[in-house]
């Protein structure tokens, strides 16, 4: 009997200690803890047939995706709705994600003809993409990509050599002007952080429902200056360094792929 009581007391003591210990965070919780609070949660529906990247966006799948606004002023003075308004949608296939962006911008400028020189100071659409929503630093690595999409449809980001490189082979891009709006469609290959610059062995990941990625969009707005006047993004940026998305993937929102 004494042995049984001793066992019972030991079992109870173990349960009490276990209850007092903090639970290990899940993988999803750990990833979210690596991001700034208040991140957007975006759901992208699957397209059974890939949208045509033509700047028209007349496929029915786009009606299933919801708009996400670009409304957070990271850099520059206050601006009017005529100067800039922006929003975007996302859908996906197993091969790519597709982005539809719609902007009102009263002046479009691409004054730096060399795509690797001051590309952020021209009007450009910036797409920040983190394949596994891990957050963290991506300044000189491929933990995430920050594609600067120029008006001539080139995709530029910083390589692991700390120099600007063209990643236009990752992105199919086309935009058109419809009245006072620019409608921009893009198809993007998604790569892991194992991507190696200059290698012919890089393979895009296969996408599936339930996958979570990091995503953020922004617009660099130049109305005729040597430098951009405004930088406007889809995520809030707490703190003083609001333009840090090209370094810190913890600023990105989450993109959930759904059927």
C-alpha atoms as a PDB file:
ATOM      1  CA  UNK A   1       0.000   0.000   0.000  1.00  0.00           C
ATOM      2  CA  UNK A   2       2.840   2.400   0.870  1.00  0.00           C
ATOM      3  CA  UNK A   3       4.453   1.755  -2.482  1.00  0.00           C
ATOM      4  CA  UNK A   4       1.177   2.549  -4.295  1.00  0.00           C
ATOM      5  CA  UNK A   5       0.724   5.820  -2.338  1.00  0.00           C
ATOM      6  CA  UNK A   6       4.316   6.789  -3.100  1.00  0.00           C
ATOM      7  CA  UNK A   7       3.707   6.204  -6.801  1.00  0.00           C
ATOM      8  CA  UNK A   8       0.503   8.278  -6.728  1.00  0.00           C
ATOM      9  CA  UNK A   9       2.233  11.192  -5.012  1.00  0.00           C
ATOM     10  CA  UNK A  10       5.056  11.071  -7.566  1.00  0.00           C
ATOM     11  CA  UNK A  11       2.606  11.070 -10.442  1.00  0.00           C
ATOM     12  CA  UNK A  12       0.721  14.043  -9.009  1.00  0.00           C
ATOM     13  CA  UNK A  13       3.979  15.934  -8.454  1.00  0.00           C
ATOM     14  CA  UNK A  14       5.021  15.312 -12.086  1.00  0.00           C
ATOM     15  CA  UNK A  15       1.673  16.609 -13.337  1.00  0.00           C
ATOM     16  CA  UNK A  16       1.990  19.765 -11.241  1.00  0.00           C
ATOM     17  CA  UNK A  17       5.515  20.430 -12.503  1.00  0.00           C
ATOM     18  CA  UNK A  18       4.493  19.756 -16.113  1.00  0.00           C
ATOM     19  CA  UNK A  19       1.582  22.166 -15.841  1.00  0.00           C
ATOM     20  CA  UNK A  20       3.867  24.866 -14.505  1.00  0.00           C
ATOM     21  CA  UNK A  21       6.360  24.572 -17.367  1.00  0.00           C
ATOM     22  CA  UNK A  22       5.732  26.766 -20.434  1.00  0.00           C
ATOM     23  CA  UNK A  23       4.673  24.902 -23.544  1.00  0.00           C
ATOM     24  CA  UNK A  24       7.107  24.921 -26.461  1.00  0.00           C
ATOM     25  CA  UNK A  25       5.786  27.198 -29.202  1.00  0.00           C
ATOM     26  CA  UNK A  26       4.486  25.585 -32.370  1.00  0.00           C
ATOM     27  CA  UNK A  27       6.318  26.169 -35.643  1.00  0.00           C
ATOM     28  CA  UNK A  28       3.589  28.595 -36.742  1.00  0.00           C
ATOM     29  CA  UNK A  29       3.770  30.507 -33.439  1.00  0.00           C
ATOM     30  CA  UNK A  30       7.564  30.697 -33.676  1.00  0.00           C
ATOM     31  CA  UNK A  31       7.350  32.179 -37.165  1.00  0.00           C
ATOM     32  CA  UNK A  32       4.767  34.746 -36.125  1.00  0.00           C
ATOM     33  CA  UNK A  33       6.901  35.763 -33.141  1.00  0.00           C
ATOM     34  CA  UNK A  34       9.675  36.679 -35.590  1.00  0.00           C
ATOM     35  CA  UNK A  35       7.414  39.326 -37.159  1.00  0.00           C
ATOM     36  CA  UNK A  36       6.310  42.750 -36.016  1.00  0.00           C
ATOM     37  CA  UNK A  37       2.863  42.776 -34.357  1.00  0.00           C
ATOM     38  CA  UNK A  38      -0.180  43.738 -36.378  1.00  0.00           C
ATOM     39  CA  UNK A  39       0.806  42.015 -39.616  1.00  0.00           C
ATOM     40  CA  UNK A  40      -1.886  41.528 -42.271  1.00  0.00           C
ATOM     41  CA  UNK A  41      -3.197  38.024 -42.935  1.00  0.00           C
ATOM     42  CA  UNK A  42      -3.997  37.525 -46.606  1.00  0.00           C
ATOM     43  CA  UNK A  43      -5.688  34.535 -48.285  1.00  0.00           C
ATOM     44  CA  UNK A  44      -5.021  33.787 -51.938  1.00  0.00           C
ATOM     45  CA  UNK A  45      -7.400  31.458 -53.837  1.00  0.00           C
ATOM     46  CA  UNK A  46      -6.109  28.839 -56.245  1.00  0.00           C
ATOM     47  CA  UNK A  47      -6.533  29.397 -59.963  1.00  0.00           C
ATOM     48  CA  UNK A  48      -7.393  26.201 -61.839  1.00  0.00           C
ATOM     49  CA  UNK A  49      -6.007  27.863 -64.953  1.00  0.00           C
ATOM     50  CA  UNK A  50      -3.132  30.313 -64.869  1.00  0.00           C
ATOM     51  CA  UNK A  51      -4.203  33.929 -65.516  1.00  0.00           C
ATOM     52  CA  UNK A  52      -2.768  35.520 -68.628  1.00  0.00           C
ATOM     53  CA  UNK A  53      -0.214  38.154 -67.692  1.00  0.00           C
ATOM     54  CA  UNK A  54      -1.360  40.958 -69.984  1.00  0.00           C
ATOM     55  CA  UNK A  55      -2.362  43.881 -67.757  1.00  0.00           C
ATOM     56  CA  UNK A  56      -6.076  43.265 -68.407  1.00  0.00           C
ATOM     57  CA  UNK A  57      -7.090  40.973 -65.495  1.00  0.00           C
ATOM     58  CA  UNK A  58     -10.378  39.799 -66.988  1.00  0.00           C
ATOM     59  CA  UNK A  59     -10.197  36.214 -65.661  1.00  0.00           C
ATOM     60  CA  UNK A  60     -12.931  35.124 -63.252  1.00  0.00           C
ATOM     61  CA  UNK A  61     -10.415  33.996 -60.610  1.00  0.00           C
ATOM     62  CA  UNK A  62      -9.535  37.606 -59.854  1.00  0.00           C
ATOM     63  CA  UNK A  63     -13.098  38.134 -58.619  1.00  0.00           C
ATOM     64  CA  UNK A  64     -12.501  35.552 -55.892  1.00  0.00           C
ATOM     65  CA  UNK A  65      -9.466  37.340 -54.460  1.00  0.00           C
ATOM     66  CA  UNK A  66      -9.869  40.307 -52.149  1.00  0.00           C
ATOM     67  CA  UNK A  67      -8.108  43.642 -52.415  1.00  0.00           C
ATOM     68  CA  UNK A  68      -5.371  44.647 -50.013  1.00  0.00           C
ATOM     69  CA  UNK A  69      -4.540  48.355 -49.857  1.00  0.00           C
ATOM     70  CA  UNK A  70      -1.169  50.050 -50.091  1.00  0.00           C
ATOM     71  CA  UNK A  71      -1.848  52.902 -47.711  1.00  0.00           C
ATOM     72  CA  UNK A  72       0.989  53.133 -45.161  1.00  0.00           C
ATOM     73  CA  UNK A  73       3.284  56.103 -45.778  1.00  0.00           C
ATOM     74  CA  UNK A  74       6.808  54.956 -44.993  1.00  0.00           C
ATOM     75  CA  UNK A  75       8.726  57.897 -46.464  1.00  0.00           C
ATOM     76  CA  UNK A  76       7.863  61.356 -47.741  1.00  0.00           C
ATOM     77  CA  UNK A  77       5.262  64.031 -47.076  1.00  0.00           C
ATOM     78  CA  UNK A  78       1.501  63.699 -47.049  1.00  0.00           C
ATOM     79  CA  UNK A  79       0.077  63.061 -50.513  1.00  0.00           C
ATOM     80  CA  UNK A  80      -3.342  63.366 -52.138  1.00  0.00           C
ATOM     81  CA  UNK A  81      -5.527  60.584 -53.522  1.00  0.00           C
ATOM     82  CA  UNK A  82      -4.868  61.976 -57.000  1.00  0.00           C
ATOM     83  CA  UNK A  83      -1.125  61.690 -56.446  1.00  0.00           C
ATOM     84  CA  UNK A  84      -1.309  58.027 -55.411  1.00  0.00           C
ATOM     85  CA  UNK A  85      -3.738  55.249 -54.518  1.00  0.00           C
ATOM     86  CA  UNK A  86      -2.810  51.580 -54.618  1.00  0.00           C
ATOM     87  CA  UNK A  87      -4.134  48.109 -53.915  1.00  0.00           C
ATOM     88  CA  UNK A  88      -3.424  44.501 -54.936  1.00  0.00           C
ATOM     89  CA  UNK A  89      -4.734  40.929 -55.087  1.00  0.00           C
ATOM     90  CA  UNK A  90      -3.016  37.522 -55.171  1.00  0.00           C
ATOM     91  CA  UNK A  91      -3.942  34.120 -56.639  1.00  0.00           C
ATOM     92  CA  UNK A  92      -1.794  31.045 -57.202  1.00  0.00           C
ATOM     93  CA  UNK A  93      -1.197  27.848 -59.146  1.00  0.00           C
ATOM     94  CA  UNK A  94       1.157  25.034 -58.143  1.00  0.00           C
ATOM     95  CA  UNK A  95       3.825  26.697 -60.292  1.00  0.00           C
ATOM     96  CA  UNK A  96       3.591  30.408 -59.414  1.00  0.00           C
ATOM     97  CA  UNK A  97       1.878  33.147 -57.475  1.00  0.00           C
ATOM     98  CA  UNK A  98       0.069  35.838 -59.480  1.00  0.00           C
ATOM     99  CA  UNK A  99      -0.197  39.432 -58.351  1.00  0.00           C
ATOM    100  CA  UNK A 100      -2.655  41.997 -59.661  1.00  0.00           C
ATOM    101  CA  UNK A 101      -1.807  45.563 -58.626  1.00  0.00           C
ATOM    102  CA  UNK A 102      -3.886  48.629 -59.383  1.00  0.00           C
ATOM    103  CA  UNK A 103      -2.425  52.096 -58.879  1.00  0.00           C
ATOM    104  CA  UNK A 104      -3.521  55.661 -59.481  1.00  0.00           C
ATOM    105  CA  UNK A 105      -0.396  57.787 -60.012  1.00  0.00           C
ATOM    106  CA  UNK A 106      -0.659  61.163 -61.727  1.00  0.00           C
ATOM    107  CA  UNK A 107       2.958  61.134 -62.968  1.00  0.00           C
ATOM    108  CA  UNK A 108       4.948  58.076 -64.077  1.00  0.00           C
ATOM    109  CA  UNK A 109       8.732  58.468 -64.250  1.00  0.00           C
ATOM    110  CA  UNK A 110      11.577  56.139 -65.191  1.00  0.00           C
ATOM    111  CA  UNK A 111      14.533  58.517 -65.472  1.00  0.00           C
ATOM    112  CA  UNK A 112      17.367  56.106 -64.602  1.00  0.00           C
ATOM    113  CA  UNK A 113      17.797  54.110 -67.772  1.00  0.00           C
ATOM    114  CA  UNK A 114      20.368  51.727 -66.286  1.00  0.00           C
ATOM    115  CA  UNK A 115      18.124  49.279 -64.387  1.00  0.00           C
ATOM    116  CA  UNK A 116      20.804  48.729 -61.728  1.00  0.00           C
ATOM    117  CA  UNK A 117      21.247  52.426 -60.855  1.00  0.00           C
ATOM    118  CA  UNK A 118      18.931  54.177 -58.355  1.00  0.00           C
ATOM    119  CA  UNK A 119      16.083  51.900 -59.402  1.00  0.00           C
ATOM    120  CA  UNK A 120      14.259  52.732 -56.132  1.00  0.00           C
ATOM    121  CA  UNK A 121      14.148  56.421 -57.068  1.00  0.00           C
ATOM    122  CA  UNK A 122      11.984  55.873 -60.150  1.00  0.00           C
ATOM    123  CA  UNK A 123       8.314  54.951 -60.044  1.00  0.00           C
ATOM    124  CA  UNK A 124       8.394  51.236 -59.315  1.00  0.00           C
ATOM    125  CA  UNK A 125       6.319  48.499 -57.759  1.00  0.00           C
ATOM    126  CA  UNK A 126       8.167  46.604 -55.045  1.00  0.00           C
ATOM    127  CA  UNK A 127       7.165  43.039 -54.186  1.00  0.00           C
ATOM    128  CA  UNK A 128       8.619  41.524 -51.008  1.00  0.00           C
ATOM    129  CA  UNK A 129       8.361  37.727 -50.876  1.00  0.00           C
ATOM    130  CA  UNK A 130       9.474  35.320 -48.145  1.00  0.00           C
ATOM    131  CA  UNK A 131       8.959  31.691 -49.193  1.00  0.00           C
ATOM    132  CA  UNK A 132       8.541  30.221 -45.710  1.00  0.00           C
ATOM    133  CA  UNK A 133       7.345  33.235 -43.669  1.00  0.00           C
ATOM    134  CA  UNK A 134      10.423  32.909 -41.485  1.00  0.00           C
ATOM    135  CA  UNK A 135      11.057  36.649 -41.130  1.00  0.00           C
ATOM    136  CA  UNK A 136      14.516  37.883 -40.246  1.00  0.00           C
ATOM    137  CA  UNK A 137      17.290  39.609 -42.157  1.00  0.00           C
ATOM    138  CA  UNK A 138      17.413  39.309 -45.955  1.00  0.00           C
ATOM    139  CA  UNK A 139      19.615  42.277 -46.882  1.00  0.00           C
ATOM    140  CA  UNK A 140      22.407  40.319 -48.581  1.00  0.00           C
ATOM    141  CA  UNK A 141      20.912  36.837 -48.690  1.00  0.00           C
ATOM    142  CA  UNK A 142      17.868  35.116 -50.158  1.00  0.00           C
ATOM    143  CA  UNK A 143      15.971  34.502 -46.958  1.00  0.00           C
ATOM    144  CA  UNK A 144      13.488  36.720 -48.828  1.00  0.00           C
ATOM    145  CA  UNK A 145      13.386  38.662 -52.094  1.00  0.00           C
ATOM    146  CA  UNK A 146      12.546  42.319 -52.652  1.00  0.00           C
ATOM    147  CA  UNK A 147      11.737  42.614 -56.336  1.00  0.00           C
ATOM    148  CA  UNK A 148      11.839  46.231 -57.549  1.00  0.00           C
ATOM    149  CA  UNK A 149       9.655  46.137 -60.674  1.00  0.00           C
ATOM    150  CA  UNK A 150      10.562  48.955 -63.047  1.00  0.00           C
ATOM    151  CA  UNK A 151       8.219  50.469 -65.617  1.00  0.00           C
ATOM    152  CA  UNK A 152      10.100  48.496 -68.281  1.00  0.00           C
ATOM    153  CA  UNK A 153       9.202  45.265 -66.434  1.00  0.00           C
ATOM    154  CA  UNK A 154      12.593  44.414 -64.962  1.00  0.00           C
ATOM    155  CA  UNK A 155      12.943  42.865 -61.501  1.00  0.00           C
ATOM    156  CA  UNK A 156      15.929  44.100 -59.491  1.00  0.00           C
ATOM    157  CA  UNK A 157      17.126  43.082 -56.024  1.00  0.00           C
ATOM    158  CA  UNK A 158      20.392  42.982 -54.080  1.00  0.00           C
ATOM    159  CA  UNK A 159      22.427  39.795 -54.584  1.00  0.00           C
ATOM    160  CA  UNK A 160      24.594  37.922 -52.127  1.00  0.00           C
ATOM    161  CA  UNK A 161      27.557  39.874 -53.534  1.00  0.00           C
ATOM    162  CA  UNK A 162      25.905  43.002 -52.065  1.00  0.00           C
ATOM    163  CA  UNK A 163      25.353  44.427 -55.574  1.00  0.00           C
ATOM    164  CA  UNK A 164      22.103  44.991 -57.519  1.00  0.00           C
ATOM    165  CA  UNK A 165      21.210  42.127 -59.836  1.00  0.00           C
ATOM    166  CA  UNK A 166      18.462  41.436 -62.331  1.00  0.00           C
ATOM    167  CA  UNK A 167      16.031  38.709 -61.318  1.00  0.00           C
ATOM    168  CA  UNK A 168      13.738  39.382 -64.251  1.00  0.00           C
ATOM    169  CA  UNK A 169      13.803  35.663 -65.089  1.00  0.00           C
ATOM    170  CA  UNK A 170      11.838  35.098 -61.839  1.00  0.00           C
ATOM    171  CA  UNK A 171       8.979  37.398 -62.820  1.00  0.00           C
ATOM    172  CA  UNK A 172       6.711  37.737 -65.842  1.00  0.00           C
ATOM    173  CA  UNK A 173       5.376  41.294 -65.824  1.00  0.00           C
ATOM    174  CA  UNK A 174       3.031  43.451 -67.873  1.00  0.00           C
ATOM    175  CA  UNK A 175       1.162  46.648 -67.085  1.00  0.00           C
ATOM    176  CA  UNK A 176      -1.295  48.843 -68.961  1.00  0.00           C
ATOM    177  CA  UNK A 177      -2.900  52.176 -68.381  1.00  0.00           C
ATOM    178  CA  UNK A 178      -6.700  52.183 -68.096  1.00  0.00           C
ATOM    179  CA  UNK A 179      -7.928  55.755 -67.745  1.00  0.00           C
ATOM    180  CA  UNK A 180      -6.189  57.177 -64.674  1.00  0.00           C
ATOM    181  CA  UNK A 181      -5.200  53.713 -63.401  1.00  0.00           C
ATOM    182  CA  UNK A 182      -2.219  51.480 -63.981  1.00  0.00           C
ATOM    183  CA  UNK A 183      -3.201  47.792 -63.956  1.00  0.00           C
ATOM    184  CA  UNK A 184      -0.155  45.587 -63.390  1.00  0.00           C
ATOM    185  CA  UNK A 185      -0.126  41.789 -63.574  1.00  0.00           C
ATOM    186  CA  UNK A 186       2.786  39.626 -62.504  1.00  0.00           C
ATOM    187  CA  UNK A 187       3.553  35.892 -62.351  1.00  0.00           C
ATOM    188  CA  UNK A 188       6.323  35.053 -59.870  1.00  0.00           C
ATOM    189  CA  UNK A 189       8.397  31.923 -59.345  1.00  0.00           C
ATOM    190  CA  UNK A 190       8.935  31.199 -55.653  1.00  0.00           C
ATOM    191  CA  UNK A 191      12.385  30.161 -54.419  1.00  0.00           C
ATOM    192  CA  UNK A 192      13.676  29.023 -51.037  1.00  0.00           C
ATOM    193  CA  UNK A 193      16.538  30.622 -49.126  1.00  0.00           C
ATOM    194  CA  UNK A 194      18.837  28.015 -50.730  1.00  0.00           C
ATOM    195  CA  UNK A 195      18.768  30.028 -53.966  1.00  0.00           C
ATOM    196  CA  UNK A 196      22.268  30.539 -55.386  1.00  0.00           C
ATOM    197  CA  UNK A 197      22.986  33.549 -57.585  1.00  0.00           C
ATOM    198  CA  UNK A 198      24.329  32.592 -60.990  1.00  0.00           C
ATOM    199  CA  UNK A 199      23.508  28.888 -60.649  1.00  0.00           C
ATOM    200  CA  UNK A 200      21.513  26.992 -63.286  1.00  0.00           C
ATOM    201  CA  UNK A 201      20.351  24.503 -60.653  1.00  0.00           C
ATOM    202  CA  UNK A 202      17.825  26.739 -58.870  1.00  0.00           C
ATOM    203  CA  UNK A 203      14.343  25.232 -59.015  1.00  0.00           C
ATOM    204  CA  UNK A 204      11.141  27.056 -57.927  1.00  0.00           C
ATOM    205  CA  UNK A 205       9.170  25.403 -55.151  1.00  0.00           C
ATOM    206  CA  UNK A 206       5.927  23.569 -55.888  1.00  0.00           C
ATOM    207  CA  UNK A 207       3.048  25.381 -54.208  1.00  0.00           C
ATOM    208  CA  UNK A 208       0.092  23.768 -52.453  1.00  0.00           C
ATOM    209  CA  UNK A 209      -2.924  24.741 -50.372  1.00  0.00           C
ATOM    210  CA  UNK A 210      -2.052  25.514 -46.760  1.00  0.00           C
ATOM    211  CA  UNK A 211       1.357  26.982 -47.517  1.00  0.00           C
ATOM    212  CA  UNK A 212       2.114  30.252 -45.715  1.00  0.00           C
ATOM    213  CA  UNK A 213       4.518  32.804 -47.174  1.00  0.00           C
ATOM    214  CA  UNK A 214       5.553  36.315 -46.247  1.00  0.00           C
ATOM    215  CA  UNK A 215       4.301  39.058 -48.575  1.00  0.00           C
ATOM    216  CA  UNK A 216       4.300  42.834 -48.756  1.00  0.00           C
ATOM    217  CA  UNK A 217       3.901  45.327 -51.609  1.00  0.00           C
ATOM    218  CA  UNK A 218       4.993  48.934 -51.893  1.00  0.00           C
ATOM    219  CA  UNK A 219       5.123  51.765 -54.413  1.00  0.00           C
ATOM    220  CA  UNK A 220       8.080  54.089 -54.921  1.00  0.00           C
ATOM    221  CA  UNK A 221       6.577  57.376 -56.140  1.00  0.00           C
ATOM    222  CA  UNK A 222       8.582  59.969 -58.036  1.00  0.00           C
ATOM    223  CA  UNK A 223       6.883  63.039 -59.497  1.00  0.00           C
ATOM    224  CA  UNK A 224       9.932  64.581 -61.147  1.00  0.00           C
ATOM    225  CA  UNK A 225      12.719  64.754 -58.565  1.00  0.00           C
ATOM    226  CA  UNK A 226      16.176  63.199 -58.499  1.00  0.00           C
ATOM    227  CA  UNK A 227      14.975  61.070 -55.567  1.00  0.00           C
ATOM    228  CA  UNK A 228      11.593  59.474 -54.907  1.00  0.00           C
ATOM    229  CA  UNK A 229       9.194  61.671 -52.968  1.00  0.00           C
ATOM    230  CA  UNK A 230       7.176  58.900 -51.313  1.00  0.00           C
ATOM    231  CA  UNK A 231       7.416  55.254 -50.360  1.00  0.00           C
ATOM    232  CA  UNK A 232       4.016  53.706 -49.599  1.00  0.00           C
ATOM    233  CA  UNK A 233       3.472  50.123 -48.451  1.00  0.00           C
ATOM    234  CA  UNK A 234       0.816  47.567 -47.626  1.00  0.00           C
ATOM    235  CA  UNK A 235       2.027  46.937 -44.055  1.00  0.00           C
ATOM    236  CA  UNK A 236       2.344  49.293 -41.108  1.00  0.00           C
ATOM    237  CA  UNK A 237       5.936  49.944 -40.080  1.00  0.00           C
ATOM    238  CA  UNK A 238       6.387  50.726 -36.387  1.00  0.00           C
ATOM    239  CA  UNK A 239       9.434  52.671 -35.259  1.00  0.00           C
ATOM    240  CA  UNK A 240      11.620  55.228 -36.974  1.00  0.00           C
ATOM    241  CA  UNK A 241      13.040  53.124 -39.818  1.00  0.00           C
ATOM    242  CA  UNK A 242       9.863  52.550 -41.782  1.00  0.00           C
ATOM    243  CA  UNK A 243      11.612  51.725 -45.068  1.00  0.00           C
ATOM    244  CA  UNK A 244      13.425  48.689 -43.627  1.00  0.00           C
ATOM    245  CA  UNK A 245      11.485  46.068 -45.605  1.00  0.00           C
ATOM    246  CA  UNK A 246      14.434  45.553 -47.956  1.00  0.00           C
ATOM    247  CA  UNK A 247      16.394  44.338 -44.915  1.00  0.00           C
ATOM    248  CA  UNK A 248      13.840  42.910 -42.462  1.00  0.00           C
ATOM    249  CA  UNK A 249      11.325  40.256 -43.545  1.00  0.00           C
ATOM    250  CA  UNK A 250       9.675  40.544 -40.135  1.00  0.00           C
ATOM    251  CA  UNK A 251       7.765  43.497 -41.550  1.00  0.00           C
ATOM    252  CA  UNK A 252       5.923  41.294 -44.097  1.00  0.00           C
ATOM    253  CA  UNK A 253       2.348  40.134 -43.754  1.00  0.00           C
ATOM    254  CA  UNK A 254       1.333  36.496 -44.140  1.00  0.00           C
ATOM    255  CA  UNK A 255      -0.004  35.007 -47.371  1.00  0.00           C
ATOM    256  CA  UNK A 256      -2.012  31.786 -46.979  1.00  0.00           C
ATOM    257  CA  UNK A 257      -2.668  29.726 -50.116  1.00  0.00           C
ATOM    258  CA  UNK A 258      -6.221  28.320 -50.092  1.00  0.00           C
ATOM    259  CA  UNK A 259      -8.155  26.144 -52.520  1.00  0.00           C
END
